[in-house]
Each structure stands twice: as C-alpha cells, then as structure tokens.
C-alpha cells in the first residue's frame, strides 16, 4: 500500500494520525483538505511531503483553482521540511504548459520517490555492513519509513535493506515525542516487516548508545544545509552527541531533494514550534525539530552518493 497516491484526479493517502489502531485511507479532493492533512500530520515525512506538494499543485490545476496562491499555501503549510517546497516548485514551474504536463510531473515525482529511496536504502545498508562487518543493531528516531515516503523509506529503508540482506540485528525505536511517531508508526512498520525491535522512551535514547546496545544510529532528515548541518525531528541532536561520545556511526539517510544548498547552515532554518496541546500542558515549548551540527554526522547517504561534511552541488 502506498502512503500517498494519485487516483482518478484526486489524492489518496493513509490517515497517519489513526495508526497503529486503524489503517484508513482518505480521499483528498482540494488543496484546503491537503493543507489540513499536512498540518495535522495525517500526511507527514519529508519525502512524502515533497510528493504531497507536487500532487497538491496538480490538484489545484485540475480543479481550476488559483494555482499560484494554492502553491504558496502548500509551501507554507510546514516550513521546516524543504521537500514540501521542492515538490511544489517542481510542478508549479510547468504551469504555462497546462494541466496535463503538471499532472505528469507530479506523478513522476511520486514514482521516482519509490525508486530513489530503494536505491538509498540498499546503499546505506551496504555502507553499514561493510563498515561494521557484522549484523548491525540500529537505533532510529521518529519515523523515516514507508509512511514518510511513498513505499520504501529513508532511514527505515536502510533498516529494511539490512533486514532483506540478512545484515540486521535488533532495532531500537525511540518513541519520539510529542506525537510518538516512533512508537506508533516505526514500531508498526517493523512489526509488519517481522523485524525484532524495542521501543525506547526518548530520555533513554542516549543511554541505549552509552550502554553499547546500538552499533549505529540511522535517522532521516527534513533539511540538510549547505554546510552539512542536519535538521530532523526534535531529539535527534542528543543522539548525535551520544554517538560521537561512544564512537559509533551517526548516519543520515535522505534523498537528494532534502539537500538544500540555498540554506547556508542549520541556524538559517525556520524551526517549527507546534501547539503545546500536543504535549498536554499549556506552557510546553513544543519544538518539532532540532539541528545536528555537521561535525557530529558520520555520513549522509542519499540516492546518489555518500558524503561527509559539506554537501557539494
């Protein structure tokens, strides 16, 4: 099942806020519904947001809407993840060529996501297996699996490829507050894959590393700045610090579309702060993301390359 798809002139997507209790597919018929789904995290994950942005612009064109205004609303729906704006801009650029050209480009973005993330997953699995020379116990954070993409996954795509090649040991899944994407979504995906895993409360994440339970940390990214800083779900930075202290690889798995050479460093990224109600107390500082400095990142693995330090255009 695809996380997000284009069927008969509308978007269909898994309603992720209901997982793991209920697997429900919703139909999205206009841009208002799509913006709401993105902001509620019914549709989420950097690559999936890129696809949603592309499909949303095509949907606006199909409906005869104000495409440029709708594109601007989509870009602003979640500003931290660069993939959303990337997907919007890919299709918006074809506005002069008409609806058919825009739709074809949006569907291409969707189909290409599957191919690219599969390549990324096996590249990352090969890199880890060769570096460590044994079955790899992996620690993950948030959800960077099929639910964050179209079918395959980025960080969890690496885990999936390790599993398929017989190179995976155990997976430690950080719960990822405040919405528990790790405990709700990643654990659900791993269970469906038949992968042995343990859910870890967020505050214990660095302790898992310190106690030698994880051989590597593998995470996704919502934006990778030109200097190699990585923006990802809140709680990623402490794992990178712990991995550096323990001397284990801290690996970022993300498609090339997440590399943003127009942003100099993580300090230049707008970090989303969400409603305190998600935490359950009125005075919560509910950061959605944090910035991991480039010098704490062992490797960034994309669908095209493996690099260390500053990304090159």
C-alpha atoms as a PDB file:
ATOM      1  CA  UNK A   1       0.000   0.000   0.000  1.00  0.00           C
ATOM      2  CA  UNK A   2       1.289   3.451  -0.904  1.00  0.00           C
ATOM      3  CA  UNK A   3       1.355   6.161   1.744  1.00  0.00           C
ATOM      4  CA  UNK A   4       0.173   8.713  -0.813  1.00  0.00           C
ATOM      5  CA  UNK A   5      -1.017   8.286  -4.389  1.00  0.00           C
ATOM      6  CA  UNK A   6      -2.829   9.944  -7.305  1.00  0.00           C
ATOM      7  CA  UNK A   7      -6.012   8.159  -8.421  1.00  0.00           C
ATOM      8  CA  UNK A   8      -8.672   9.477 -10.812  1.00  0.00           C
ATOM      9  CA  UNK A   9      -7.806  13.137 -10.349  1.00  0.00           C
ATOM     10  CA  UNK A  10      -7.585  13.117  -6.566  1.00  0.00           C
ATOM     11  CA  UNK A  11      -5.035  12.379  -3.856  1.00  0.00           C
ATOM     12  CA  UNK A  12      -5.463   9.354  -1.635  1.00  0.00           C
ATOM     13  CA  UNK A  13      -3.379   8.932   1.497  1.00  0.00           C
ATOM     14  CA  UNK A  14      -3.079   6.922   4.672  1.00  0.00           C
ATOM     15  CA  UNK A  15      -4.537   8.837   7.632  1.00  0.00           C
ATOM     16  CA  UNK A  16      -1.471   8.517   9.847  1.00  0.00           C
ATOM     17  CA  UNK A  17      -2.992  10.049  12.962  1.00  0.00           C
ATOM     18  CA  UNK A  18      -5.103   6.895  13.400  1.00  0.00           C
ATOM     19  CA  UNK A  19      -2.203   4.440  13.327  1.00  0.00           C
ATOM     20  CA  UNK A  20      -1.482   1.930  14.727  1.00  0.00           C
ATOM     21  CA  UNK A  21      -5.054   1.395  15.865  1.00  0.00           C
ATOM     22  CA  UNK A  22      -6.710   1.855  12.478  1.00  0.00           C
ATOM     23  CA  UNK A  23      -5.401   1.707   8.910  1.00  0.00           C
ATOM     24  CA  UNK A  24      -7.609   4.109   6.965  1.00  0.00           C
ATOM     25  CA  UNK A  25      -7.189   5.642   3.530  1.00  0.00           C
ATOM     26  CA  UNK A  26      -8.669   9.095   2.936  1.00  0.00           C
ATOM     27  CA  UNK A  27      -9.524  10.887  -0.297  1.00  0.00           C
ATOM     28  CA  UNK A  28      -8.311  14.470  -0.663  1.00  0.00           C
ATOM     29  CA  UNK A  29     -10.290  16.461  -3.215  1.00  0.00           C
ATOM     30  CA  UNK A  30      -8.992  20.002  -2.769  1.00  0.00           C
ATOM     31  CA  UNK A  31      -5.997  21.963  -1.538  1.00  0.00           C
ATOM     32  CA  UNK A  32      -7.742  23.021   1.692  1.00  0.00           C
ATOM     33  CA  UNK A  33      -8.046  19.375   2.698  1.00  0.00           C
ATOM     34  CA  UNK A  34      -4.430  18.712   1.779  1.00  0.00           C
ATOM     35  CA  UNK A  35      -3.090  21.660   3.784  1.00  0.00           C
ATOM     36  CA  UNK A  36      -5.139  20.479   6.763  1.00  0.00           C
ATOM     37  CA  UNK A  37      -3.826  16.916   6.385  1.00  0.00           C
ATOM     38  CA  UNK A  38      -0.237  18.180   6.271  1.00  0.00           C
ATOM     39  CA  UNK A  39      -0.624  20.408   9.314  1.00  0.00           C
ATOM     40  CA  UNK A  40      -2.375  17.692  11.333  1.00  0.00           C
ATOM     41  CA  UNK A  41       0.419  15.247  10.376  1.00  0.00           C
ATOM     42  CA  UNK A  42      -2.077  12.967   8.669  1.00  0.00           C
ATOM     43  CA  UNK A  43       0.400  13.261   5.793  1.00  0.00           C
ATOM     44  CA  UNK A  44       3.964  13.646   7.047  1.00  0.00           C
ATOM     45  CA  UNK A  45       7.602  12.739   6.444  1.00  0.00           C
ATOM     46  CA  UNK A  46       9.928  14.823   4.284  1.00  0.00           C
ATOM     47  CA  UNK A  47       9.811  12.765   1.059  1.00  0.00           C
ATOM     48  CA  UNK A  48       6.034  12.232   1.352  1.00  0.00           C
ATOM     49  CA  UNK A  49       5.611  15.969   1.841  1.00  0.00           C
ATOM     50  CA  UNK A  50       7.550  16.549  -1.365  1.00  0.00           C
ATOM     51  CA  UNK A  51       5.159  14.252  -3.190  1.00  0.00           C
ATOM     52  CA  UNK A  52       2.167  15.895  -1.484  1.00  0.00           C
ATOM     53  CA  UNK A  53       3.362  19.319  -2.599  1.00  0.00           C
ATOM     54  CA  UNK A  54       3.725  18.159  -6.193  1.00  0.00           C
ATOM     55  CA  UNK A  55       0.342  16.435  -6.219  1.00  0.00           C
ATOM     56  CA  UNK A  56      -1.302  19.391  -4.488  1.00  0.00           C
ATOM     57  CA  UNK A  57      -0.295  21.807  -7.233  1.00  0.00           C
ATOM     58  CA  UNK A  58      -1.558  19.349  -9.858  1.00  0.00           C
ATOM     59  CA  UNK A  59      -4.813  19.008  -7.896  1.00  0.00           C
ATOM     60  CA  UNK A  60      -5.263  22.776  -7.857  1.00  0.00           C
ATOM     61  CA  UNK A  61      -4.775  22.889 -11.617  1.00  0.00           C
ATOM     62  CA  UNK A  62      -7.321  20.088 -12.103  1.00  0.00           C
ATOM     63  CA  UNK A  63      -9.852  21.957 -10.003  1.00  0.00           C
ATOM     64  CA  UNK A  64      -9.292  25.220 -11.865  1.00  0.00           C
ATOM     65  CA  UNK A  65      -8.100  26.967  -8.738  1.00  0.00           C
ATOM     66  CA  UNK A  66      -5.721  29.878  -8.246  1.00  0.00           C
ATOM     67  CA  UNK A  67      -2.674  27.664  -8.689  1.00  0.00           C
ATOM     68  CA  UNK A  68      -0.053  30.177  -7.576  1.00  0.00           C
ATOM     69  CA  UNK A  69      -2.000  31.075  -4.429  1.00  0.00           C
ATOM     70  CA  UNK A  70      -2.586  27.407  -3.644  1.00  0.00           C
ATOM     71  CA  UNK A  71       1.095  26.682  -4.210  1.00  0.00           C
ATOM     72  CA  UNK A  72       2.043  29.410  -1.723  1.00  0.00           C
ATOM     73  CA  UNK A  73      -0.311  27.940   0.895  1.00  0.00           C
ATOM     74  CA  UNK A  74       1.144  24.497   0.387  1.00  0.00           C
ATOM     75  CA  UNK A  75       4.729  25.760   0.696  1.00  0.00           C
ATOM     76  CA  UNK A  76       3.849  27.456   3.997  1.00  0.00           C
ATOM     77  CA  UNK A  77       1.952  24.501   5.493  1.00  0.00           C
ATOM     78  CA  UNK A  78       5.116  23.149   7.171  1.00  0.00           C
ATOM     79  CA  UNK A  79       8.108  25.413   6.572  1.00  0.00           C
ATOM     80  CA  UNK A  80      10.984  23.384   8.047  1.00  0.00           C
ATOM     81  CA  UNK A  81      10.967  20.458   5.610  1.00  0.00           C
ATOM     82  CA  UNK A  82      12.489  21.616   2.327  1.00  0.00           C
ATOM     83  CA  UNK A  83      10.959  18.742   0.335  1.00  0.00           C
ATOM     84  CA  UNK A  84       7.489  20.268   0.516  1.00  0.00           C
ATOM     85  CA  UNK A  85       8.566  23.463  -1.241  1.00  0.00           C
ATOM     86  CA  UNK A  86      10.729  21.428  -3.631  1.00  0.00           C
ATOM     87  CA  UNK A  87       7.741  19.343  -4.744  1.00  0.00           C
ATOM     88  CA  UNK A  88       5.519  22.400  -5.110  1.00  0.00           C
ATOM     89  CA  UNK A  89       8.084  24.225  -7.223  1.00  0.00           C
ATOM     90  CA  UNK A  90       8.734  21.212  -9.484  1.00  0.00           C
ATOM     91  CA  UNK A  91       5.126  21.217 -10.676  1.00  0.00           C
ATOM     92  CA  UNK A  92       4.453  24.950 -10.474  1.00  0.00           C
ATOM     93  CA  UNK A  93       7.255  25.534 -12.991  1.00  0.00           C
ATOM     94  CA  UNK A  94       5.122  23.734 -15.595  1.00  0.00           C
ATOM     95  CA  UNK A  95       2.064  25.950 -15.118  1.00  0.00           C
ATOM     96  CA  UNK A  96       2.492  27.571 -18.569  1.00  0.00           C
ATOM     97  CA  UNK A  97       2.390  24.100 -20.152  1.00  0.00           C
ATOM     98  CA  UNK A  98      -1.011  23.222 -18.742  1.00  0.00           C
ATOM     99  CA  UNK A  99      -2.741  20.647 -16.566  1.00  0.00           C
ATOM    100  CA  UNK A 100      -1.547  17.518 -18.361  1.00  0.00           C
ATOM    101  CA  UNK A 101       2.123  18.473 -18.132  1.00  0.00           C
ATOM    102  CA  UNK A 102       1.749  19.396 -14.458  1.00  0.00           C
ATOM    103  CA  UNK A 103      -0.001  16.128 -13.654  1.00  0.00           C
ATOM    104  CA  UNK A 104       2.631  14.097 -15.475  1.00  0.00           C
ATOM    105  CA  UNK A 105       5.381  15.812 -13.497  1.00  0.00           C
ATOM    106  CA  UNK A 106       3.588  15.262 -10.178  1.00  0.00           C
ATOM    107  CA  UNK A 107       3.120  11.565 -10.922  1.00  0.00           C
ATOM    108  CA  UNK A 108       6.781  11.351 -11.950  1.00  0.00           C
ATOM    109  CA  UNK A 109       7.818  12.838  -8.580  1.00  0.00           C
ATOM    110  CA  UNK A 110       5.671  10.197  -6.875  1.00  0.00           C
ATOM    111  CA  UNK A 111       7.012   7.234  -8.858  1.00  0.00           C
ATOM    112  CA  UNK A 112      10.598   8.466  -8.654  1.00  0.00           C
ATOM    113  CA  UNK A 113      10.405   8.634  -4.854  1.00  0.00           C
ATOM    114  CA  UNK A 114       9.987   4.861  -4.737  1.00  0.00           C
ATOM    115  CA  UNK A 115      12.982   4.208  -6.959  1.00  0.00           C
ATOM    116  CA  UNK A 116      15.279   6.708  -5.284  1.00  0.00           C
ATOM    117  CA  UNK A 117      14.576   5.598  -1.737  1.00  0.00           C
ATOM    118  CA  UNK A 118      15.061   1.950  -2.602  1.00  0.00           C
ATOM    119  CA  UNK A 119      18.497   2.828  -4.036  1.00  0.00           C
ATOM    120  CA  UNK A 120      19.234   4.918  -0.936  1.00  0.00           C
ATOM    121  CA  UNK A 121      18.212   2.078   1.377  1.00  0.00           C
ATOM    122  CA  UNK A 122      20.496  -0.522  -0.162  1.00  0.00           C
ATOM    123  CA  UNK A 123      23.375   1.972  -0.448  1.00  0.00           C
ATOM    124  CA  UNK A 124      23.075   2.732   3.270  1.00  0.00           C
ATOM    125  CA  UNK A 125      22.774  -0.937   4.208  1.00  0.00           C
ATOM    126  CA  UNK A 126      25.886  -1.791   2.198  1.00  0.00           C
ATOM    127  CA  UNK A 127      27.838   1.088   3.772  1.00  0.00           C
ATOM    128  CA  UNK A 128      26.944  -0.009   7.308  1.00  0.00           C
ATOM    129  CA  UNK A 129      27.512  -3.726   6.706  1.00  0.00           C
ATOM    130  CA  UNK A 130      30.920  -3.122   5.153  1.00  0.00           C
ATOM    131  CA  UNK A 131      31.970  -0.675   7.870  1.00  0.00           C
ATOM    132  CA  UNK A 132      30.884  -2.796  10.828  1.00  0.00           C
ATOM    133  CA  UNK A 133      31.439  -6.284   9.391  1.00  0.00           C
ATOM    134  CA  UNK A 134      28.652  -7.910  11.393  1.00  0.00           C
ATOM    135  CA  UNK A 135      24.922  -7.812  11.902  1.00  0.00           C
ATOM    136  CA  UNK A 136      24.001  -4.251  12.820  1.00  0.00           C
ATOM    137  CA  UNK A 137      21.928  -3.220  15.829  1.00  0.00           C
ATOM    138  CA  UNK A 138      20.329   0.059  14.754  1.00  0.00           C
ATOM    139  CA  UNK A 139      18.793   2.896  16.716  1.00  0.00           C
ATOM    140  CA  UNK A 140      16.214   5.052  14.928  1.00  0.00           C
ATOM    141  CA  UNK A 141      14.360   8.241  15.751  1.00  0.00           C
ATOM    142  CA  UNK A 142      10.916   9.399  14.585  1.00  0.00           C
ATOM    143  CA  UNK A 143       9.521   7.663  11.501  1.00  0.00           C
ATOM    144  CA  UNK A 144      11.506   7.677   8.279  1.00  0.00           C
ATOM    145  CA  UNK A 145       9.935   4.580   6.804  1.00  0.00           C
ATOM    146  CA  UNK A 146       7.383   3.831   4.105  1.00  0.00           C
ATOM    147  CA  UNK A 147       4.894   6.074   5.909  1.00  0.00           C
ATOM    148  CA  UNK A 148       7.263   9.021   5.498  1.00  0.00           C
ATOM    149  CA  UNK A 149       7.711   8.327   1.786  1.00  0.00           C
ATOM    150  CA  UNK A 150       5.581   6.609  -0.855  1.00  0.00           C
ATOM    151  CA  UNK A 151       6.543   2.946  -0.369  1.00  0.00           C
ATOM    152  CA  UNK A 152      10.083   2.296   0.810  1.00  0.00           C
ATOM    153  CA  UNK A 153      11.550   4.696   3.370  1.00  0.00           C
ATOM    154  CA  UNK A 154      14.826   6.544   4.016  1.00  0.00           C
ATOM    155  CA  UNK A 155      16.368   5.705   7.411  1.00  0.00           C
ATOM    156  CA  UNK A 156      13.940   2.822   7.848  1.00  0.00           C
ATOM    157  CA  UNK A 157      14.595   1.968   4.217  1.00  0.00           C
ATOM    158  CA  UNK A 158      18.208   1.309   5.263  1.00  0.00           C
ATOM    159  CA  UNK A 159      16.915  -0.904   8.082  1.00  0.00           C
ATOM    160  CA  UNK A 160      14.625  -2.699   5.656  1.00  0.00           C
ATOM    161  CA  UNK A 161      17.511  -3.323   3.245  1.00  0.00           C
ATOM    162  CA  UNK A 162      19.694  -4.612   6.097  1.00  0.00           C
ATOM    163  CA  UNK A 163      16.864  -6.975   7.024  1.00  0.00           C
ATOM    164  CA  UNK A 164      16.423  -8.223   3.456  1.00  0.00           C
ATOM    165  CA  UNK A 165      20.157  -8.876   3.076  1.00  0.00           C
ATOM    166  CA  UNK A 166      20.491 -10.691   6.412  1.00  0.00           C
ATOM    167  CA  UNK A 167      22.629  -7.949   7.973  1.00  0.00           C
ATOM    168  CA  UNK A 168      20.207  -6.613  10.593  1.00  0.00           C
ATOM    169  CA  UNK A 169      20.381  -7.377  14.286  1.00  0.00           C
ATOM    170  CA  UNK A 170      17.968  -5.597  16.639  1.00  0.00           C
ATOM    171  CA  UNK A 171      16.288  -2.205  16.165  1.00  0.00           C
ATOM    172  CA  UNK A 172      15.862   0.291  18.997  1.00  0.00           C
ATOM    173  CA  UNK A 173      12.985   2.640  18.226  1.00  0.00           C
ATOM    174  CA  UNK A 174      12.877   5.979  20.016  1.00  0.00           C
ATOM    175  CA  UNK A 175       9.268   6.831  20.869  1.00  0.00           C
ATOM    176  CA  UNK A 176       9.723  10.404  19.544  1.00  0.00           C
ATOM    177  CA  UNK A 177       7.654  12.918  21.409  1.00  0.00           C
ATOM    178  CA  UNK A 178       5.288  14.665  21.332  1.00  0.00           C
ATOM    179  CA  UNK A 179       3.266  12.609  18.821  1.00  0.00           C
ATOM    180  CA  UNK A 180       5.118   9.306  19.244  1.00  0.00           C
ATOM    181  CA  UNK A 181       5.861   8.718  15.559  1.00  0.00           C
ATOM    182  CA  UNK A 182       8.467   6.154  16.561  1.00  0.00           C
ATOM    183  CA  UNK A 183       6.279   4.206  18.984  1.00  0.00           C
ATOM    184  CA  UNK A 184       3.165   4.486  16.812  1.00  0.00           C
ATOM    185  CA  UNK A 185       4.482   4.371  13.241  1.00  0.00           C
ATOM    186  CA  UNK A 186       8.006   2.957  13.111  1.00  0.00           C
ATOM    187  CA  UNK A 187       7.171   0.133  15.508  1.00  0.00           C
ATOM    188  CA  UNK A 188       4.075  -0.645  13.417  1.00  0.00           C
ATOM    189  CA  UNK A 189       6.137  -0.802  10.219  1.00  0.00           C
ATOM    190  CA  UNK A 190       8.810  -3.003  11.804  1.00  0.00           C
ATOM    191  CA  UNK A 191       6.189  -5.388  13.167  1.00  0.00           C
ATOM    192  CA  UNK A 192       4.719  -5.739   9.673  1.00  0.00           C
ATOM    193  CA  UNK A 193       8.225  -6.499   8.366  1.00  0.00           C
ATOM    194  CA  UNK A 194       8.801  -9.117  11.053  1.00  0.00           C
ATOM    195  CA  UNK A 195      11.788  -7.214  12.490  1.00  0.00           C
ATOM    196  CA  UNK A 196      12.681  -7.620  16.166  1.00  0.00           C
ATOM    197  CA  UNK A 197      12.574  -4.223  17.859  1.00  0.00           C
ATOM    198  CA  UNK A 198      12.314  -2.454  21.197  1.00  0.00           C
ATOM    199  CA  UNK A 199      10.619   0.904  21.795  1.00  0.00           C
ATOM    200  CA  UNK A 200      12.781   3.272  23.869  1.00  0.00           C
ATOM    201  CA  UNK A 201      11.499   6.288  25.808  1.00  0.00           C
ATOM    202  CA  UNK A 202      13.107   9.406  24.385  1.00  0.00           C
ATOM    203  CA  UNK A 203      15.018  10.376  27.513  1.00  0.00           C
ATOM    204  CA  UNK A 204      16.704   6.948  27.454  1.00  0.00           C
ATOM    205  CA  UNK A 205      17.838   7.215  23.833  1.00  0.00           C
ATOM    206  CA  UNK A 206      21.416   8.323  24.598  1.00  0.00           C
ATOM    207  CA  UNK A 207      21.644   5.678  27.331  1.00  0.00           C
ATOM    208  CA  UNK A 208      20.922   2.923  24.795  1.00  0.00           C
ATOM    209  CA  UNK A 209      24.012   4.140  22.936  1.00  0.00           C
ATOM    210  CA  UNK A 210      26.121   4.583  26.073  1.00  0.00           C
ATOM    211  CA  UNK A 211      25.369   1.007  27.164  1.00  0.00           C
ATOM    212  CA  UNK A 212      26.562  -0.378  23.838  1.00  0.00           C
ATOM    213  CA  UNK A 213      23.192  -1.678  22.686  1.00  0.00           C
ATOM    214  CA  UNK A 214      23.266   0.129  19.331  1.00  0.00           C
ATOM    215  CA  UNK A 215      26.031  -0.220  16.748  1.00  0.00           C
ATOM    216  CA  UNK A 216      24.816   2.752  14.690  1.00  0.00           C
ATOM    217  CA  UNK A 217      22.219   5.499  14.725  1.00  0.00           C
ATOM    218  CA  UNK A 218      20.339   5.944  11.451  1.00  0.00           C
ATOM    219  CA  UNK A 219      17.952   8.868  11.046  1.00  0.00           C
ATOM    220  CA  UNK A 220      16.223  10.737   8.268  1.00  0.00           C
ATOM    221  CA  UNK A 221      16.262  14.486   7.660  1.00  0.00           C
ATOM    222  CA  UNK A 222      13.857  17.290   6.874  1.00  0.00           C
ATOM    223  CA  UNK A 223      16.568  19.590   5.549  1.00  0.00           C
ATOM    224  CA  UNK A 224      20.338  19.310   5.055  1.00  0.00           C
ATOM    225  CA  UNK A 225      22.049  22.702   4.877  1.00  0.00           C
ATOM    226  CA  UNK A 226      24.946  23.581   2.609  1.00  0.00           C
ATOM    227  CA  UNK A 227      27.460  23.229   5.456  1.00  0.00           C
ATOM    228  CA  UNK A 228      26.211  19.718   6.300  1.00  0.00           C
ATOM    229  CA  UNK A 229      24.047  20.637   9.301  1.00  0.00           C
ATOM    230  CA  UNK A 230      21.055  18.311   9.554  1.00  0.00           C
ATOM    231  CA  UNK A 231      17.564  19.368  10.593  1.00  0.00           C
ATOM    232  CA  UNK A 232      15.476  16.452  11.838  1.00  0.00           C
ATOM    233  CA  UNK A 233      12.826  15.607  14.406  1.00  0.00           C
ATOM    234  CA  UNK A 234      13.399  17.005  17.881  1.00  0.00           C
ATOM    235  CA  UNK A 235      15.591  14.676  19.910  1.00  0.00           C
ATOM    236  CA  UNK A 236      17.992  13.846  17.082  1.00  0.00           C
ATOM    237  CA  UNK A 237      20.788  16.130  18.329  1.00  0.00           C
ATOM    238  CA  UNK A 238      21.215  14.311  21.702  1.00  0.00           C
ATOM    239  CA  UNK A 239      21.599  11.008  19.828  1.00  0.00           C
ATOM    240  CA  UNK A 240      24.344  12.501  17.679  1.00  0.00           C
ATOM    241  CA  UNK A 241      26.169  13.706  20.788  1.00  0.00           C
ATOM    242  CA  UNK A 242      25.877  10.273  22.376  1.00  0.00           C
ATOM    243  CA  UNK A 243      27.018   8.529  19.192  1.00  0.00           C
ATOM    244  CA  UNK A 244      30.080  10.776  18.967  1.00  0.00           C
ATOM    245  CA  UNK A 245      30.946  10.056  22.602  1.00  0.00           C
ATOM    246  CA  UNK A 246      30.534   6.294  22.068  1.00  0.00           C
ATOM    247  CA  UNK A 247      32.391   6.272  18.767  1.00  0.00           C
ATOM    248  CA  UNK A 248      29.602   4.721  16.713  1.00  0.00           C
ATOM    249  CA  UNK A 249      28.376   5.926  13.292  1.00  0.00           C
ATOM    250  CA  UNK A 250      25.681   8.568  13.185  1.00  0.00           C
ATOM    251  CA  UNK A 251      24.190   8.213   9.711  1.00  0.00           C
ATOM    252  CA  UNK A 252      21.661  10.438   7.962  1.00  0.00           C
ATOM    253  CA  UNK A 253      19.641   8.835   5.153  1.00  0.00           C
ATOM    254  CA  UNK A 254      17.745  11.244   2.909  1.00  0.00           C
ATOM    255  CA  UNK A 255      17.078  11.797  -0.788  1.00  0.00           C
ATOM    256  CA  UNK A 256      18.985  14.430  -2.735  1.00  0.00           C
ATOM    257  CA  UNK A 257      15.854  16.616  -2.653  1.00  0.00           C
ATOM    258  CA  UNK A 258      16.464  17.148   1.081  1.00  0.00           C
ATOM    259  CA  UNK A 259      19.877  18.744   0.439  1.00  0.00           C
ATOM    260  CA  UNK A 260      19.269  22.498   0.416  1.00  0.00           C
ATOM    261  CA  UNK A 261      22.308  24.322  -0.928  1.00  0.00           C
ATOM    262  CA  UNK A 262      20.423  27.623  -0.735  1.00  0.00           C
ATOM    263  CA  UNK A 263      20.468  27.407   3.084  1.00  0.00           C
ATOM    264  CA  UNK A 264      23.943  28.090   4.476  1.00  0.00           C
ATOM    265  CA  UNK A 265      23.571  26.371   7.844  1.00  0.00           C
ATOM    266  CA  UNK A 266      21.076  24.956  10.296  1.00  0.00           C
ATOM    267  CA  UNK A 267      20.969  28.331  12.035  1.00  0.00           C
ATOM    268  CA  UNK A 268      19.180  29.730   8.974  1.00  0.00           C
ATOM    269  CA  UNK A 269      16.317  27.209   9.079  1.00  0.00           C
ATOM    270  CA  UNK A 270      12.915  28.160  10.484  1.00  0.00           C
ATOM    271  CA  UNK A 271      12.285  25.617  13.251  1.00  0.00           C
ATOM    272  CA  UNK A 272       8.601  24.824  13.637  1.00  0.00           C
ATOM    273  CA  UNK A 273       7.102  25.169  17.119  1.00  0.00           C
ATOM    274  CA  UNK A 274       3.837  23.271  17.458  1.00  0.00           C
ATOM    275  CA  UNK A 275       0.798  23.667  19.711  1.00  0.00           C
ATOM    276  CA  UNK A 276       1.548  22.953  23.408  1.00  0.00           C
ATOM    277  CA  UNK A 277      -1.714  20.990  23.486  1.00  0.00           C
ATOM    278  CA  UNK A 278       0.098  18.154  21.708  1.00  0.00           C
ATOM    279  CA  UNK A 279       2.176  17.713  24.858  1.00  0.00           C
ATOM    280  CA  UNK A 280      -0.815  18.027  27.169  1.00  0.00           C
ATOM    281  CA  UNK A 281       0.273  21.061  29.207  1.00  0.00           C
ATOM    282  CA  UNK A 282      -0.349  24.737  28.372  1.00  0.00           C
ATOM    283  CA  UNK A 283       3.199  26.054  28.838  1.00  0.00           C
ATOM    284  CA  UNK A 284       5.148  23.467  26.802  1.00  0.00           C
ATOM    285  CA  UNK A 285       7.885  24.600  24.427  1.00  0.00           C
ATOM    286  CA  UNK A 286       6.962  22.170  21.655  1.00  0.00           C
ATOM    287  CA  UNK A 287       9.821  22.291  19.165  1.00  0.00           C
ATOM    288  CA  UNK A 288       9.166  19.985  16.223  1.00  0.00           C
ATOM    289  CA  UNK A 289      12.793  19.807  15.016  1.00  0.00           C
ATOM    290  CA  UNK A 290      16.384  20.354  16.076  1.00  0.00           C
ATOM    291  CA  UNK A 291      19.692  20.926  14.314  1.00  0.00           C
ATOM    292  CA  UNK A 292      22.574  18.440  14.404  1.00  0.00           C
ATOM    293  CA  UNK A 293      25.884  20.149  13.517  1.00  0.00           C
ATOM    294  CA  UNK A 294      27.763  18.705  10.562  1.00  0.00           C
ATOM    295  CA  UNK A 295      30.775  17.676  12.634  1.00  0.00           C
ATOM    296  CA  UNK A 296      28.627  15.137  14.514  1.00  0.00           C
ATOM    297  CA  UNK A 297      27.446  13.429  11.313  1.00  0.00           C
ATOM    298  CA  UNK A 298      29.485  10.410  10.226  1.00  0.00           C
ATOM    299  CA  UNK A 299      27.894  10.120   6.790  1.00  0.00           C
ATOM    300  CA  UNK A 300      24.998  11.436   4.758  1.00  0.00           C
ATOM    301  CA  UNK A 301      23.639   8.806   2.394  1.00  0.00           C
ATOM    302  CA  UNK A 302      21.387   9.801  -0.487  1.00  0.00           C
ATOM    303  CA  UNK A 303      20.041   8.103  -3.572  1.00  0.00           C
ATOM    304  CA  UNK A 304      23.061   9.405  -5.498  1.00  0.00           C
ATOM    305  CA  UNK A 305      26.061   9.400  -3.145  1.00  0.00           C
ATOM    306  CA  UNK A 306      27.628   9.042   0.274  1.00  0.00           C
ATOM    307  CA  UNK A 307      29.332  12.171   1.566  1.00  0.00           C
ATOM    308  CA  UNK A 308      30.910  13.557   4.705  1.00  0.00           C
ATOM    309  CA  UNK A 309      30.935  17.193   5.684  1.00  0.00           C
ATOM    310  CA  UNK A 310      29.809  19.953   3.349  1.00  0.00           C
ATOM    311  CA  UNK A 311      27.446  18.823   0.568  1.00  0.00           C
ATOM    312  CA  UNK A 312      28.621  19.835  -2.887  1.00  0.00           C
ATOM    313  CA  UNK A 313      26.269  20.921  -5.683  1.00  0.00           C
END
